[in-house]
Amino acid sequence: MSDEEHGDETRAAAEGAGALAADAARDLFSEAFEDELDPALRARFDAALAADATLREEYEAFVALFAGARSLAAEPAPDLLPSVQRKLRERSRGRYYRDRFAELGPGWSTWMALALVLLLVVLVVAASSWIVPLAPQTP
């Protein structure tokens, strides 16, 4: 018998009239925890828990286990990348994951901007002399 057929038989037995059997109630632990039982079936499930102390203890252990697992999933995973890169940088003495911009010093951006402006001036002067032909000289 497959699990699906077993689940259908359990649901049919649980939805029938009368008291909910302990095995049928155990099969409904997950649905009861997720609050997916219809009100009538939930009332019969709660009645079965109230009538059987062992079943109630098993359900409480089930709830504690899955509530704990759910709370673990809610915690965000720590970001390990920065600390791993820092340790690699320290152990490799800067060979891996080094901060190349920090190594250039505080004035590197000023020199880079000056070099770009100078390059732009050279390009403008070269383009203007190439585009605008020199005026012909008369003898």
C-alpha atoms as a PDB file:
ATOM      1  CA  MET A   1       0.000   0.000   0.000  1.00  0.00           C
ATOM      2  CA  SER A   2       1.454   3.383  -0.958  1.00  0.00           C
ATOM      3  CA  ASP A   3       1.763   6.314   1.435  1.00  0.00           C
ATOM      4  CA  GLU A   4      -0.887   8.223  -0.509  1.00  0.00           C
ATOM      5  CA  GLU A   5      -3.413   5.383  -0.210  1.00  0.00           C
ATOM      6  CA  HIS A   6      -2.590   5.048   3.507  1.00  0.00           C
ATOM      7  CA  GLY A   7      -3.150   8.793   3.982  1.00  0.00           C
ATOM      8  CA  ASP A   8      -6.510   8.624   2.181  1.00  0.00           C
ATOM      9  CA  GLU A   9      -7.649   5.733   4.360  1.00  0.00           C
ATOM     10  CA  THR A  10      -6.507   7.535   7.517  1.00  0.00           C
ATOM     11  CA  ARG A  11      -8.377  10.698   6.504  1.00  0.00           C
ATOM     12  CA  ALA A  12     -11.528   8.697   5.717  1.00  0.00           C
ATOM     13  CA  ALA A  13     -11.330   6.953   9.091  1.00  0.00           C
ATOM     14  CA  ALA A  14     -10.701  10.237  10.882  1.00  0.00           C
ATOM     15  CA  GLU A  15     -13.606  11.985   9.184  1.00  0.00           C
ATOM     16  CA  GLY A  16     -16.028   9.219  10.143  1.00  0.00           C
ATOM     17  CA  ALA A  17     -18.317   9.446  13.163  1.00  0.00           C
ATOM     18  CA  GLY A  18     -17.139   8.435  16.598  1.00  0.00           C
ATOM     19  CA  ALA A  19     -13.933   8.798  18.518  1.00  0.00           C
ATOM     20  CA  LEU A  20     -10.668   9.443  16.709  1.00  0.00           C
ATOM     21  CA  ALA A  21      -8.304   6.484  17.076  1.00  0.00           C
ATOM     22  CA  ALA A  22      -4.772   7.113  18.343  1.00  0.00           C
ATOM     23  CA  ASP A  23      -3.172   5.952  15.066  1.00  0.00           C
ATOM     24  CA  ALA A  24      -5.475   8.189  13.037  1.00  0.00           C
ATOM     25  CA  ALA A  25      -4.650  11.109  15.341  1.00  0.00           C
ATOM     26  CA  ARG A  26      -0.896  10.444  14.949  1.00  0.00           C
ATOM     27  CA  ASP A  27      -1.318  10.591  11.177  1.00  0.00           C
ATOM     28  CA  LEU A  28      -2.867  14.050  11.588  1.00  0.00           C
ATOM     29  CA  PHE A  29      -0.057  15.522  13.737  1.00  0.00           C
ATOM     30  CA  SER A  30       1.479  17.422  10.841  1.00  0.00           C
ATOM     31  CA  GLU A  31      -1.815  18.828   9.571  1.00  0.00           C
ATOM     32  CA  ALA A  32      -2.817  19.855  13.093  1.00  0.00           C
ATOM     33  CA  PHE A  33       0.539  21.570  13.636  1.00  0.00           C
ATOM     34  CA  GLU A  34       0.172  23.473  10.363  1.00  0.00           C
ATOM     35  CA  ASP A  35      -3.451  24.319  11.322  1.00  0.00           C
ATOM     36  CA  GLU A  36      -4.815  22.685   8.165  1.00  0.00           C
ATOM     37  CA  LEU A  37      -7.601  20.631   9.781  1.00  0.00           C
ATOM     38  CA  ASP A  38     -11.238  21.605   9.283  1.00  0.00           C
ATOM     39  CA  PRO A  39     -12.983  22.670  12.509  1.00  0.00           C
ATOM     40  CA  ALA A  40     -14.937  19.428  13.021  1.00  0.00           C
ATOM     41  CA  LEU A  41     -11.866  17.240  12.526  1.00  0.00           C
ATOM     42  CA  ARG A  42      -9.802  19.569  14.725  1.00  0.00           C
ATOM     43  CA  ALA A  43     -12.372  19.210  17.515  1.00  0.00           C
ATOM     44  CA  ARG A  44     -12.188  15.399  17.256  1.00  0.00           C
ATOM     45  CA  PHE A  45      -8.376  15.587  17.195  1.00  0.00           C
ATOM     46  CA  ASP A  46      -8.346  17.760  20.337  1.00  0.00           C
ATOM     47  CA  ALA A  47     -10.785  15.376  22.013  1.00  0.00           C
ATOM     48  CA  ALA A  48      -8.487  12.448  21.224  1.00  0.00           C
ATOM     49  CA  LEU A  49      -5.553  14.346  22.753  1.00  0.00           C
ATOM     50  CA  ALA A  50      -7.593  15.148  25.867  1.00  0.00           C
ATOM     51  CA  ALA A  51      -8.634  11.492  26.268  1.00  0.00           C
ATOM     52  CA  ASP A  52      -5.163   9.941  25.801  1.00  0.00           C
ATOM     53  CA  ALA A  53      -2.253  11.289  27.885  1.00  0.00           C
ATOM     54  CA  THR A  54       0.354   9.332  25.885  1.00  0.00           C
ATOM     55  CA  LEU A  55      -0.978  10.712  22.611  1.00  0.00           C
ATOM     56  CA  ARG A  56      -0.972  14.232  24.063  1.00  0.00           C
ATOM     57  CA  GLU A  57       2.683  13.849  25.161  1.00  0.00           C
ATOM     58  CA  GLU A  58       3.634  12.575  21.699  1.00  0.00           C
ATOM     59  CA  TYR A  59       1.905  15.544  20.055  1.00  0.00           C
ATOM     60  CA  GLU A  60       3.573  18.004  22.451  1.00  0.00           C
ATOM     61  CA  ALA A  61       6.985  16.481  21.619  1.00  0.00           C
ATOM     62  CA  PHE A  62       6.130  16.735  17.900  1.00  0.00           C
ATOM     63  CA  VAL A  63       5.151  20.396  18.281  1.00  0.00           C
ATOM     64  CA  ALA A  64       8.289  21.193  20.304  1.00  0.00           C
ATOM     65  CA  LEU A  65      10.518  19.556  17.710  1.00  0.00           C
ATOM     66  CA  PHE A  66       9.014  21.269  14.688  1.00  0.00           C
ATOM     67  CA  ALA A  67       8.570  24.639  16.417  1.00  0.00           C
ATOM     68  CA  GLY A  68      12.273  24.521  17.292  1.00  0.00           C
ATOM     69  CA  ALA A  69      13.176  23.639  13.725  1.00  0.00           C
ATOM     70  CA  ARG A  70      10.989  26.470  12.433  1.00  0.00           C
ATOM     71  CA  SER A  71      12.698  28.987  14.740  1.00  0.00           C
ATOM     72  CA  LEU A  72      16.125  27.869  13.480  1.00  0.00           C
ATOM     73  CA  ALA A  73      15.061  28.485   9.899  1.00  0.00           C
ATOM     74  CA  ALA A  74      14.001  32.042  10.790  1.00  0.00           C
ATOM     75  CA  GLU A  75      17.538  33.083  11.764  1.00  0.00           C
ATOM     76  CA  PRO A  76      19.509  34.580   8.876  1.00  0.00           C
ATOM     77  CA  ALA A  77      22.724  32.883   7.910  1.00  0.00           C
ATOM     78  CA  PRO A  78      25.852  34.838   8.853  1.00  0.00           C
ATOM     79  CA  ASP A  79      27.832  36.487   6.076  1.00  0.00           C
ATOM     80  CA  LEU A  80      31.169  34.677   6.179  1.00  0.00           C
ATOM     81  CA  LEU A  81      32.731  36.159   3.034  1.00  0.00           C
ATOM     82  CA  PRO A  82      34.382  39.260   4.561  1.00  0.00           C
ATOM     83  CA  SER A  83      35.976  37.328   7.423  1.00  0.00           C
ATOM     84  CA  VAL A  84      37.192  34.557   5.103  1.00  0.00           C
ATOM     85  CA  GLN A  85      38.713  37.099   2.714  1.00  0.00           C
ATOM     86  CA  ARG A  86      40.362  38.939   5.610  1.00  0.00           C
ATOM     87  CA  LYS A  87      41.924  35.724   6.916  1.00  0.00           C
ATOM     88  CA  LEU A  88      43.135  34.762   3.431  1.00  0.00           C
ATOM     89  CA  ARG A  89      44.640  38.231   3.005  1.00  0.00           C
ATOM     90  CA  GLU A  90      46.411  37.980   6.374  1.00  0.00           C
ATOM     91  CA  ARG A  91      47.739  34.458   5.837  1.00  0.00           C
ATOM     92  CA  SER A  92      48.877  35.119   2.261  1.00  0.00           C
ATOM     93  CA  ARG A  93      50.448  38.437   3.331  1.00  0.00           C
ATOM     94  CA  GLY A  94      48.327  40.412   0.893  1.00  0.00           C
ATOM     95  CA  ARG A  95      48.701  38.153  -2.110  1.00  0.00           C
ATOM     96  CA  TYR A  96      44.989  37.338  -2.256  1.00  0.00           C
ATOM     97  CA  TYR A  97      42.052  39.708  -1.723  1.00  0.00           C
ATOM     98  CA  ARG A  98      44.197  42.749  -1.083  1.00  0.00           C
ATOM     99  CA  ASP A  99      42.710  46.202  -1.264  1.00  0.00           C
ATOM    100  CA  ARG A 100      44.621  47.682  -4.173  1.00  0.00           C
ATOM    101  CA  PHE A 101      43.011  51.130  -3.908  1.00  0.00           C
ATOM    102  CA  ALA A 102      44.027  51.471  -0.252  1.00  0.00           C
ATOM    103  CA  GLU A 103      47.607  50.572  -1.219  1.00  0.00           C
ATOM    104  CA  LEU A 104      47.759  53.494  -3.642  1.00  0.00           C
ATOM    105  CA  GLY A 105      47.566  56.039  -0.844  1.00  0.00           C
ATOM    106  CA  PRO A 106      45.253  58.945  -0.172  1.00  0.00           C
ATOM    107  CA  GLY A 107      46.263  61.161  -3.159  1.00  0.00           C
ATOM    108  CA  TRP A 108      45.930  58.641  -5.964  1.00  0.00           C
ATOM    109  CA  SER A 109      42.513  59.924  -7.062  1.00  0.00           C
ATOM    110  CA  THR A 110      43.872  63.469  -7.539  1.00  0.00           C
ATOM    111  CA  TRP A 111      46.687  62.229  -9.763  1.00  0.00           C
ATOM    112  CA  MET A 112      44.268  60.022 -11.700  1.00  0.00           C
ATOM    113  CA  ALA A 113      41.926  62.984 -12.314  1.00  0.00           C
ATOM    114  CA  LEU A 114      44.863  65.179 -13.399  1.00  0.00           C
ATOM    115  CA  ALA A 115      46.053  62.505 -15.837  1.00  0.00           C
ATOM    116  CA  LEU A 116      42.585  62.198 -17.347  1.00  0.00           C
ATOM    117  CA  VAL A 117      42.253  65.970 -17.793  1.00  0.00           C
ATOM    118  CA  LEU A 118      45.692  66.123 -19.431  1.00  0.00           C
ATOM    119  CA  LEU A 119      44.771  63.274 -21.764  1.00  0.00           C
ATOM    120  CA  LEU A 120      41.541  65.041 -22.688  1.00  0.00           C
ATOM    121  CA  VAL A 121      43.441  68.271 -23.509  1.00  0.00           C
ATOM    122  CA  VAL A 122      45.911  66.376 -25.715  1.00  0.00           C
ATOM    123  CA  LEU A 123      43.059  64.665 -27.563  1.00  0.00           C
ATOM    124  CA  VAL A 124      41.207  67.959 -28.148  1.00  0.00           C
ATOM    125  CA  VAL A 125      44.332  69.699 -29.476  1.00  0.00           C
ATOM    126  CA  ALA A 126      45.189  66.748 -31.749  1.00  0.00           C
ATOM    127  CA  ALA A 127      41.616  66.493 -33.037  1.00  0.00           C
ATOM    128  CA  SER A 128      41.343  70.232 -33.733  1.00  0.00           C
ATOM    129  CA  SER A 129      44.544  70.310 -35.744  1.00  0.00           C
ATOM    130  CA  TRP A 130      43.495  67.230 -37.695  1.00  0.00           C
ATOM    131  CA  ILE A 131      39.929  68.414 -38.384  1.00  0.00           C
ATOM    132  CA  VAL A 132      40.658  72.074 -39.134  1.00  0.00           C
ATOM    133  CA  PRO A 133      43.189  72.186 -41.962  1.00  0.00           C
ATOM    134  CA  LEU A 134      45.832  74.842 -41.817  1.00  0.00           C
ATOM    135  CA  ALA A 135      45.108  77.928 -43.912  1.00  0.00           C
ATOM    136  CA  PRO A 136      47.013  77.873 -47.214  1.00  0.00           C
ATOM    137  CA  GLN A 137      49.947  80.271 -47.304  1.00  0.00           C
ATOM    138  CA  THR A 138      50.178  82.706 -50.216  1.00  0.00           C
ATOM    139  CA  PRO A 139      53.634  83.388 -51.678  1.00  0.00           C
END
